[in-house]
Amino acid sequence: MWFGEQIDKDALAAAIAYAGACDVFFAIGTSALVQPAAELAELALQSGACLVEINPQQTSLSDRASYALHGTAAQLLPALVRALRDSPGEQA
């Protein structure tokens, strides 16, 4: 979502439910300061999810993330997708 963008209330309710039930939560390109988006990562952490942060700078989430990857989404997401696709193990 973009800064200042209005959030559909049904979409927000679904995001909150998913964040509270997920096993892995990706926080990508966020300052972790703007609400209500910032609360989603917090909710996922409180629910025991593995938090993966992708951001050029350190944020308040970085020290609590299971994986804090520092770089842009354009740099890191393609490499992450390749690594996951090429890794041995259970396929989706």
PDB file of N, CA and C in Angstrom:
ATOM      1  N   MET A   1       0.838  -1.167   0.000  1.00  0.00           N
ATOM      2  CA  MET A   1       0.000   0.000   0.000  1.00  0.00           C
ATOM      3  C   MET A   1       0.883   1.228   0.000  1.00  0.00           C
ATOM      4  N   TRP A   2       0.367   2.325  -0.481  1.00  0.00           N
ATOM      5  CA  TRP A   2       1.110   3.567  -0.566  1.00  0.00           C
ATOM      6  C   TRP A   2       0.779   4.457   0.627  1.00  0.00           C
ATOM      7  N   PHE A   3       1.738   5.277   1.016  1.00  0.00           N
ATOM      8  CA  PHE A   3       1.542   6.220   2.112  1.00  0.00           C
ATOM      9  C   PHE A   3       0.341   7.107   1.803  1.00  0.00           C
ATOM     10  N   GLY A   4      -0.561   7.246   2.749  1.00  0.00           N
ATOM     11  CA  GLY A   4      -1.728   8.086   2.585  1.00  0.00           C
ATOM     12  C   GLY A   4      -2.897   7.432   1.875  1.00  0.00           C
ATOM     13  N   GLU A   5      -2.695   6.225   1.391  1.00  0.00           N
ATOM     14  CA  GLU A   5      -3.753   5.523   0.661  1.00  0.00           C
ATOM     15  C   GLU A   5      -4.829   5.038   1.629  1.00  0.00           C
ATOM     16  N   GLN A   6      -6.073   5.222   1.263  1.00  0.00           N
ATOM     17  CA  GLN A   6      -7.185   4.716   2.062  1.00  0.00           C
ATOM     18  C   GLN A   6      -7.249   3.196   1.935  1.00  0.00           C
ATOM     19  N   ILE A   7      -7.540   2.545   3.033  1.00  0.00           N
ATOM     20  CA  ILE A   7      -7.614   1.091   3.054  1.00  0.00           C
ATOM     21  C   ILE A   7      -9.072   0.676   3.163  1.00  0.00           C
ATOM     22  N   ASP A   8      -9.471  -0.208   2.300  1.00  0.00           N
ATOM     23  CA  ASP A   8     -10.815  -0.772   2.365  1.00  0.00           C
ATOM     24  C   ASP A   8     -10.957  -1.518   3.692  1.00  0.00           C
ATOM     25  N   LYS A   9     -12.038  -1.274   4.425  1.00  0.00           N
ATOM     26  CA  LYS A   9     -12.189  -1.869   5.760  1.00  0.00           C
ATOM     27  C   LYS A   9     -12.258  -3.390   5.709  1.00  0.00           C
ATOM     28  N   ASP A  10     -12.855  -3.956   4.671  1.00  0.00           N
ATOM     29  CA  ASP A  10     -12.904  -5.416   4.557  1.00  0.00           C
ATOM     30  C   ASP A  10     -11.518  -5.990   4.262  1.00  0.00           C
ATOM     31  N   ALA A  11     -10.757  -5.291   3.422  1.00  0.00           N
ATOM     32  CA  ALA A  11      -9.391  -5.731   3.123  1.00  0.00           C
ATOM     33  C   ALA A  11      -8.522  -5.660   4.376  1.00  0.00           C
ATOM     34  N   LEU A  12      -8.693  -4.610   5.171  1.00  0.00           N
ATOM     35  CA  LEU A  12      -7.931  -4.482   6.412  1.00  0.00           C
ATOM     36  C   LEU A  12      -8.303  -5.584   7.394  1.00  0.00           C
ATOM     37  N   ALA A  13      -9.580  -5.870   7.532  1.00  0.00           N
ATOM     38  CA  ALA A  13     -10.012  -6.943   8.437  1.00  0.00           C
ATOM     39  C   ALA A  13      -9.421  -8.277   8.000  1.00  0.00           C
ATOM     40  N   ALA A  14      -9.398  -8.535   6.702  1.00  0.00           N
ATOM     41  CA  ALA A  14      -8.810  -9.779   6.191  1.00  0.00           C
ATOM     42  C   ALA A  14      -7.310  -9.806   6.453  1.00  0.00           C
ATOM     43  N   ALA A  15      -6.624  -8.681   6.238  1.00  0.00           N
ATOM     44  CA  ALA A  15      -5.180  -8.615   6.474  1.00  0.00           C
ATOM     45  C   ALA A  15      -4.856  -8.877   7.942  1.00  0.00           C
ATOM     46  N   ILE A  16      -5.652  -8.333   8.838  1.00  0.00           N
ATOM     47  CA  ILE A  16      -5.447  -8.558  10.273  1.00  0.00           C
ATOM     48  C   ILE A  16      -5.637 -10.034  10.606  1.00  0.00           C
ATOM     49  N   ALA A  17      -6.658 -10.640  10.056  1.00  0.00           N
ATOM     50  CA  ALA A  17      -6.900 -12.067  10.306  1.00  0.00           C
ATOM     51  C   ALA A  17      -5.755 -12.917   9.767  1.00  0.00           C
ATOM     52  N   TYR A  18      -5.307 -12.626   8.556  1.00  0.00           N
ATOM     53  CA  TYR A  18      -4.204 -13.394   7.968  1.00  0.00           C
ATOM     54  C   TYR A  18      -2.906 -13.188   8.741  1.00  0.00           C
ATOM     55  N   ALA A  19      -2.628 -11.949   9.158  1.00  0.00           N
ATOM     56  CA  ALA A  19      -1.401 -11.672   9.905  1.00  0.00           C
ATOM     57  C   ALA A  19      -1.382 -12.429  11.226  1.00  0.00           C
ATOM     58  N   GLY A  20      -2.531 -12.559  11.848  1.00  0.00           N
ATOM     59  CA  GLY A  20      -2.608 -13.273  13.114  1.00  0.00           C
ATOM     60  C   GLY A  20      -2.541 -14.777  12.983  1.00  0.00           C
ATOM     61  N   ALA A  21      -2.719 -15.285  11.772  1.00  0.00           N
ATOM     62  CA  ALA A  21      -2.750 -16.736  11.562  1.00  0.00           C
ATOM     63  C   ALA A  21      -1.597 -17.262  10.714  1.00  0.00           C
ATOM     64  N   CYS A  22      -0.748 -16.379  10.210  1.00  0.00           N
ATOM     65  CA  CYS A  22       0.289 -16.828   9.272  1.00  0.00           C
ATOM     66  C   CYS A  22       1.476 -17.467   9.986  1.00  0.00           C
ATOM     67  N   ASP A  23       2.214 -18.278   9.238  1.00  0.00           N
ATOM     68  CA  ASP A  23       3.459 -18.870   9.734  1.00  0.00           C
ATOM     69  C   ASP A  23       4.654 -17.983   9.414  1.00  0.00           C
ATOM     70  N   VAL A  24       4.592 -17.315   8.267  1.00  0.00           N
ATOM     71  CA  VAL A  24       5.665 -16.427   7.811  1.00  0.00           C
ATOM     72  C   VAL A  24       5.030 -15.122   7.350  1.00  0.00           C
ATOM     73  N   PHE A  25       5.595 -14.002   7.789  1.00  0.00           N
ATOM     74  CA  PHE A  25       5.103 -12.682   7.401  1.00  0.00           C
ATOM     75  C   PHE A  25       6.252 -11.916   6.770  1.00  0.00           C
ATOM     76  N   PHE A  26       6.026 -11.386   5.574  1.00  0.00           N
ATOM     77  CA  PHE A  26       7.022 -10.567   4.887  1.00  0.00           C
ATOM     78  C   PHE A  26       6.669  -9.097   5.064  1.00  0.00           C
ATOM     79  N   ALA A  27       7.570  -8.327   5.653  1.00  0.00           N
ATOM     80  CA  ALA A  27       7.432  -6.872   5.762  1.00  0.00           C
ATOM     81  C   ALA A  27       8.406  -6.281   4.753  1.00  0.00           C
ATOM     82  N   ILE A  28       7.875  -5.748   3.665  1.00  0.00           N
ATOM     83  CA  ILE A  28       8.713  -5.321   2.545  1.00  0.00           C
ATOM     84  C   ILE A  28       8.567  -3.822   2.327  1.00  0.00           C
ATOM     85  N   GLY A  29       9.691  -3.109   2.446  1.00  0.00           N
ATOM     86  CA  GLY A  29       9.718  -1.687   2.132  1.00  0.00           C
ATOM     87  C   GLY A  29       8.878  -0.818   3.036  1.00  0.00           C
ATOM     88  N   THR A  30       8.807  -1.150   4.298  1.00  0.00           N
ATOM     89  CA  THR A  30       7.998  -0.366   5.233  1.00  0.00           C
ATOM     90  C   THR A  30       8.878   0.320   6.266  1.00  0.00           C
ATOM     91  N   SER A  31       8.449   1.484   6.698  1.00  0.00           N
ATOM     92  CA  SER A  31       9.142   2.165   7.793  1.00  0.00           C
ATOM     93  C   SER A  31       8.774   1.544   9.131  1.00  0.00           C
ATOM     94  N   ALA A  32       7.706   0.761   9.148  1.00  0.00           N
ATOM     95  CA  ALA A  32       7.158   0.149  10.363  1.00  0.00           C
ATOM     96  C   ALA A  32       6.636   1.199  11.334  1.00  0.00           C
ATOM     97  N   LEU A  33       6.288   2.365  10.801  1.00  0.00           N
ATOM     98  CA  LEU A  33       5.785   3.454  11.638  1.00  0.00           C
ATOM     99  C   LEU A  33       4.357   3.853  11.308  1.00  0.00           C
ATOM    100  N   VAL A  34       3.932   3.653  10.080  1.00  0.00           N
ATOM    101  CA  VAL A  34       2.635   4.147   9.623  1.00  0.00           C
ATOM    102  C   VAL A  34       1.552   3.112   9.904  1.00  0.00           C
ATOM    103  N   GLN A  35       0.538   3.550  10.628  1.00  0.00           N
ATOM    104  CA  GLN A  35      -0.592   2.678  10.955  1.00  0.00           C
ATOM    105  C   GLN A  35      -1.673   2.825   9.884  1.00  0.00           C
ATOM    106  N   PRO A  36      -2.453   1.843   9.633  1.00  0.00           N
ATOM    107  CA  PRO A  36      -2.548   0.573  10.341  1.00  0.00           C
ATOM    108  C   PRO A  36      -1.607  -0.507   9.815  1.00  0.00           C
ATOM    109  N   ALA A  37      -0.862  -0.220   8.743  1.00  0.00           N
ATOM    110  CA  ALA A  37      -0.007  -1.251   8.159  1.00  0.00           C
ATOM    111  C   ALA A  37       1.036  -1.768   9.150  1.00  0.00           C
ATOM    112  N   ALA A  38       1.602  -0.889   9.960  1.00  0.00           N
ATOM    113  CA  ALA A  38       2.646  -1.296  10.896  1.00  0.00           C
ATOM    114  C   ALA A  38       2.147  -2.320  11.907  1.00  0.00           C
ATOM    115  N   GLU A  39       0.870  -2.269  12.237  1.00  0.00           N
ATOM    116  CA  GLU A  39       0.345  -3.210  13.227  1.00  0.00           C
ATOM    117  C   GLU A  39       0.311  -4.645  12.704  1.00  0.00           C
ATOM    118  N   LEU A  40       0.317  -4.821  11.390  1.00  0.00           N
ATOM    119  CA  LEU A  40       0.231  -6.176  10.838  1.00  0.00           C
ATOM    120  C   LEU A  40       1.464  -6.999  11.187  1.00  0.00           C
ATOM    121  N   ALA A  41       2.652  -6.425  11.034  1.00  0.00           N
ATOM    122  CA  ALA A  41       3.879  -7.143  11.391  1.00  0.00           C
ATOM    123  C   ALA A  41       3.913  -7.428  12.888  1.00  0.00           C
ATOM    124  N   GLU A  42       3.486  -6.460  13.687  1.00  0.00           N
ATOM    125  CA  GLU A  42       3.446  -6.661  15.139  1.00  0.00           C
ATOM    126  C   GLU A  42       2.506  -7.805  15.507  1.00  0.00           C
ATOM    127  N   LEU A  43       1.355  -7.844  14.881  1.00  0.00           N
ATOM    128  CA  LEU A  43       0.387  -8.904  15.140  1.00  0.00           C
ATOM    129  C   LEU A  43       0.961 -10.262  14.754  1.00  0.00           C
ATOM    130  N   ALA A  44       1.620 -10.323  13.611  1.00  0.00           N
ATOM    131  CA  ALA A  44       2.235 -11.580  13.180  1.00  0.00           C
ATOM    132  C   ALA A  44       3.293 -12.035  14.183  1.00  0.00           C
ATOM    133  N   LEU A  45       4.122 -11.114  14.642  1.00  0.00           N
ATOM    134  CA  LEU A  45       5.140 -11.458  15.640  1.00  0.00           C
ATOM    135  C   LEU A  45       4.503 -11.964  16.927  1.00  0.00           C
ATOM    136  N   GLN A  46       3.477 -11.275  17.402  1.00  0.00           N
ATOM    137  CA  GLN A  46       2.799 -11.681  18.634  1.00  0.00           C
ATOM    138  C   GLN A  46       2.165 -13.054  18.496  1.00  0.00           C
ATOM    139  N   SER A  47       1.816 -13.427  17.276  1.00  0.00           N
ATOM    140  CA  SER A  47       1.181 -14.727  17.025  1.00  0.00           C
ATOM    141  C   SER A  47       2.199 -15.825  16.754  1.00  0.00           C
ATOM    142  N   GLY A  48       3.490 -15.482  16.813  1.00  0.00           N
ATOM    143  CA  GLY A  48       4.537 -16.484  16.658  1.00  0.00           C
ATOM    144  C   GLY A  48       5.027 -16.709  15.243  1.00  0.00           C
ATOM    145  N   ALA A  49       4.689 -15.818  14.325  1.00  0.00           N
ATOM    146  CA  ALA A  49       5.131 -15.980  12.939  1.00  0.00           C
ATOM    147  C   ALA A  49       6.617 -15.671  12.798  1.00  0.00           C
ATOM    148  N   CYS A  50       7.221 -16.277  11.811  1.00  0.00           N
ATOM    149  CA  CYS A  50       8.572 -15.936  11.382  1.00  0.00           C
ATOM    150  C   CYS A  50       8.451 -14.635  10.588  1.00  0.00           C
ATOM    151  N   LEU A  51       9.179 -13.609  10.987  1.00  0.00           N
ATOM    152  CA  LEU A  51       9.123 -12.322  10.294  1.00  0.00           C
ATOM    153  C   LEU A  51      10.338 -12.173   9.397  1.00  0.00           C
ATOM    154  N   VAL A  52      10.091 -11.904   8.124  1.00  0.00           N
ATOM    155  CA  VAL A  52      11.145 -11.618   7.157  1.00  0.00           C
ATOM    156  C   VAL A  52      10.996 -10.154   6.766  1.00  0.00           C
ATOM    157  N   GLU A  53      12.007  -9.363   7.076  1.00  0.00           N
ATOM    158  CA  GLU A  53      11.979  -7.942   6.734  1.00  0.00           C
ATOM    159  C   GLU A  53      12.899  -7.701   5.544  1.00  0.00           C
ATOM    160  N   ILE A  54      12.375  -7.018   4.532  1.00  0.00           N
ATOM    161  CA  ILE A  54      13.164  -6.600   3.373  1.00  0.00           C
ATOM    162  C   ILE A  54      13.040  -5.090   3.295  1.00  0.00           C
ATOM    163  N   ASN A  55      14.159  -4.409   3.525  1.00  0.00           N
ATOM    164  CA  ASN A  55      14.134  -2.956   3.596  1.00  0.00           C
ATOM    165  C   ASN A  55      15.554  -2.428   3.420  1.00  0.00           C
ATOM    166  N   PRO A  56      15.721  -1.294   2.742  1.00  0.00           N
ATOM    167  CA  PRO A  56      17.071  -0.735   2.618  1.00  0.00           C
ATOM    168  C   PRO A  56      17.667  -0.303   3.958  1.00  0.00           C
ATOM    169  N   GLN A  57      16.829   0.173   4.872  1.00  0.00           N
ATOM    170  CA  GLN A  57      17.308   0.640   6.171  1.00  0.00           C
ATOM    171  C   GLN A  57      16.785  -0.251   7.292  1.00  0.00           C
ATOM    172  N   GLN A  58      17.493  -0.179   8.408  1.00  0.00           N
ATOM    173  CA  GLN A  58      17.020  -0.865   9.603  1.00  0.00           C
ATOM    174  C   GLN A  58      15.776  -0.147  10.112  1.00  0.00           C
ATOM    175  N   THR A  59      14.834  -0.912  10.660  1.00  0.00           N
ATOM    176  CA  THR A  59      13.609  -0.348  11.234  1.00  0.00           C
ATOM    177  C   THR A  59      13.436  -0.897  12.647  1.00  0.00           C
ATOM    178  N   SER A  60      12.352  -0.525  13.268  1.00  0.00           N
ATOM    179  CA  SER A  60      12.054  -1.046  14.604  1.00  0.00           C
ATOM    180  C   SER A  60      11.757  -2.543  14.566  1.00  0.00           C
ATOM    181  N   LEU A  61      11.508  -3.090  13.385  1.00  0.00           N
ATOM    182  CA  LEU A  61      11.268  -4.530  13.251  1.00  0.00           C
ATOM    183  C   LEU A  61      12.560  -5.331  13.111  1.00  0.00           C
ATOM    184  N   SER A  62      13.628  -4.696  12.671  1.00  0.00           N
ATOM    185  CA  SER A  62      14.848  -5.412  12.283  1.00  0.00           C
ATOM    186  C   SER A  62      15.396  -6.327  13.369  1.00  0.00           C
ATOM    187  N   ASP A  63      15.454  -5.839  14.592  1.00  0.00           N
ATOM    188  CA  ASP A  63      16.031  -6.637  15.677  1.00  0.00           C
ATOM    189  C   ASP A  63      15.140  -7.806  16.082  1.00  0.00           C
ATOM    190  N   ARG A  64      13.860  -7.737  15.739  1.00  0.00           N
ATOM    191  CA  ARG A  64      12.931  -8.804  16.108  1.00  0.00           C
ATOM    192  C   ARG A  64      12.610  -9.731  14.944  1.00  0.00           C
ATOM    193  N   ALA A  65      13.092  -9.383  13.765  1.00  0.00           N
ATOM    194  CA  ALA A  65      12.835 -10.209  12.587  1.00  0.00           C
ATOM    195  C   ALA A  65      13.680 -11.477  12.638  1.00  0.00           C
ATOM    196  N   SER A  66      13.114 -12.562  12.167  1.00  0.00           N
ATOM    197  CA  SER A  66      13.892 -13.794  12.033  1.00  0.00           C
ATOM    198  C   SER A  66      14.963 -13.612  10.969  1.00  0.00           C
ATOM    199  N   TYR A  67      14.614 -12.855   9.932  1.00  0.00           N
ATOM    200  CA  TYR A  67      15.537 -12.536   8.843  1.00  0.00           C
ATOM    201  C   TYR A  67      15.345 -11.075   8.485  1.00  0.00           C
ATOM    202  N   ALA A  68      16.383 -10.265   8.643  1.00  0.00           N
ATOM    203  CA  ALA A  68      16.350  -8.856   8.241  1.00  0.00           C
ATOM    204  C   ALA A  68      17.294  -8.715   7.054  1.00  0.00           C
ATOM    205  N   LEU A  69      16.726  -8.570   5.876  1.00  0.00           N
ATOM    206  CA  LEU A  69      17.496  -8.479   4.642  1.00  0.00           C
ATOM    207  C   LEU A  69      17.531  -7.016   4.220  1.00  0.00           C
ATOM    208  N   HIS A  70      18.722  -6.436   4.193  1.00  0.00           N
ATOM    209  CA  HIS A  70      18.837  -5.009   3.919  1.00  0.00           C
ATOM    210  C   HIS A  70      19.252  -4.768   2.477  1.00  0.00           C
ATOM    211  N   GLY A  71      18.331  -4.190   1.736  1.00  0.00           N
ATOM    212  CA  GLY A  71      18.470  -3.862   0.328  1.00  0.00           C
ATOM    213  C   GLY A  71      17.088  -3.522  -0.185  1.00  0.00           C
ATOM    214  N   THR A  72      17.008  -3.195  -1.457  1.00  0.00           N
ATOM    215  CA  THR A  72      15.699  -2.856  -2.011  1.00  0.00           C
ATOM    216  C   THR A  72      14.941  -4.123  -2.380  1.00  0.00           C
ATOM    217  N   ALA A  73      13.633  -3.993  -2.460  1.00  0.00           N
ATOM    218  CA  ALA A  73      12.801  -5.120  -2.889  1.00  0.00           C
ATOM    219  C   ALA A  73      13.192  -5.550  -4.299  1.00  0.00           C
ATOM    220  N   ALA A  74      13.519  -4.580  -5.154  1.00  0.00           N
ATOM    221  CA  ALA A  74      13.917  -4.896  -6.532  1.00  0.00           C
ATOM    222  C   ALA A  74      15.188  -5.739  -6.562  1.00  0.00           C
ATOM    223  N   GLN A  75      16.080  -5.535  -5.618  1.00  0.00           N
ATOM    224  CA  GLN A  75      17.312  -6.320  -5.542  1.00  0.00           C
ATOM    225  C   GLN A  75      17.069  -7.689  -4.914  1.00  0.00           C
ATOM    226  N   LEU A  76      16.354  -7.700  -3.811  1.00  0.00           N
ATOM    227  CA  LEU A  76      16.298  -8.896  -2.983  1.00  0.00           C
ATOM    228  C   LEU A  76      15.185  -9.877  -3.330  1.00  0.00           C
ATOM    229  N   LEU A  77      14.032  -9.408  -3.751  1.00  0.00           N
ATOM    230  CA  LEU A  77      12.925 -10.339  -4.025  1.00  0.00           C
ATOM    231  C   LEU A  77      13.232 -11.324  -5.155  1.00  0.00           C
ATOM    232  N   PRO A  78      13.795 -10.890  -6.288  1.00  0.00           N
ATOM    233  CA  PRO A  78      14.116 -11.880  -7.323  1.00  0.00           C
ATOM    234  C   PRO A  78      15.107 -12.941  -6.831  1.00  0.00           C
ATOM    235  N   ALA A  79      16.098 -12.526  -6.060  1.00  0.00           N
ATOM    236  CA  ALA A  79      17.067 -13.485  -5.529  1.00  0.00           C
ATOM    237  C   ALA A  79      16.408 -14.439  -4.539  1.00  0.00           C
ATOM    238  N   LEU A  80      15.511 -13.933  -3.724  1.00  0.00           N
ATOM    239  CA  LEU A  80      14.803 -14.775  -2.761  1.00  0.00           C
ATOM    240  C   LEU A  80      13.913 -15.786  -3.473  1.00  0.00           C
ATOM    241  N   VAL A  81      13.203 -15.347  -4.491  1.00  0.00           N
ATOM    242  CA  VAL A  81      12.342 -16.261  -5.256  1.00  0.00           C
ATOM    243  C   VAL A  81      13.182 -17.348  -5.919  1.00  0.00           C
ATOM    244  N   ARG A  82      14.316 -16.963  -6.513  1.00  0.00           N
ATOM    245  CA  ARG A  82      15.204 -17.970  -7.134  1.00  0.00           C
ATOM    246  C   ARG A  82      15.694 -18.977  -6.101  1.00  0.00           C
ATOM    247  N   ALA A  83      16.108 -18.481  -4.942  1.00  0.00           N
ATOM    248  CA  ALA A  83      16.625 -19.370  -3.900  1.00  0.00           C
ATOM    249  C   ALA A  83      15.548 -20.334  -3.420  1.00  0.00           C
ATOM    250  N   LEU A  84      14.338 -19.846  -3.240  1.00  0.00           N
ATOM    251  CA  LEU A  84      13.244 -20.717  -2.791  1.00  0.00           C
ATOM    252  C   LEU A  84      12.865 -21.721  -3.870  1.00  0.00           C
ATOM    253  N   ARG A  85      12.846 -21.278  -5.110  1.00  0.00           N
ATOM    254  CA  ARG A  85      12.478 -22.158  -6.219  1.00  0.00           C
ATOM    255  C   ARG A  85      13.528 -23.254  -6.418  1.00  0.00           C
ATOM    256  N   ASP A  86      14.790 -22.922  -6.215  1.00  0.00           N
ATOM    257  CA  ASP A  86      15.875 -23.862  -6.465  1.00  0.00           C
ATOM    258  C   ASP A  86      16.232 -24.720  -5.258  1.00  0.00           C
ATOM    259  N   SER A  87      15.626 -24.439  -4.098  1.00  0.00           N
ATOM    260  CA  SER A  87      15.985 -25.195  -2.897  1.00  0.00           C
ATOM    261  C   SER A  87      15.338 -26.571  -2.913  1.00  0.00           C
ATOM    262  N   PRO A  88      16.072 -27.565  -2.410  1.00  0.00           N
ATOM    263  CA  PRO A  88      15.477 -28.904  -2.328  1.00  0.00           C
ATOM    264  C   PRO A  88      14.422 -28.931  -1.233  1.00  0.00           C
ATOM    265  N   GLY A  89      13.579 -29.897  -1.286  1.00  0.00           N
ATOM    266  CA  GLY A  89      12.560 -30.033  -0.253  1.00  0.00           C
ATOM    267  C   GLY A  89      11.181 -30.069  -0.842  1.00  0.00           C
ATOM    268  N   GLU A  90      10.224 -29.904   0.037  1.00  0.00           N
ATOM    269  CA  GLU A  90       8.824 -29.985  -0.359  1.00  0.00           C
ATOM    270  C   GLU A  90       8.465 -28.857  -1.313  1.00  0.00           C
ATOM    271  N   GLN A  91       7.816 -29.204  -2.395  1.00  0.00           N
ATOM    272  CA  GLN A  91       7.380 -28.222  -3.382  1.00  0.00           C
ATOM    273  C   GLN A  91       5.921 -27.882  -3.150  1.00  0.00           C
ATOM    274  N   ALA A  92       5.583 -26.628  -3.371  1.00  0.00           N
ATOM    275  CA  ALA A  92       4.190 -26.187  -3.194  1.00  0.00           C
ATOM    276  C   ALA A  92       3.323 -26.682  -4.327  1.00  0.00           C
TER     277      ALA A  92
END
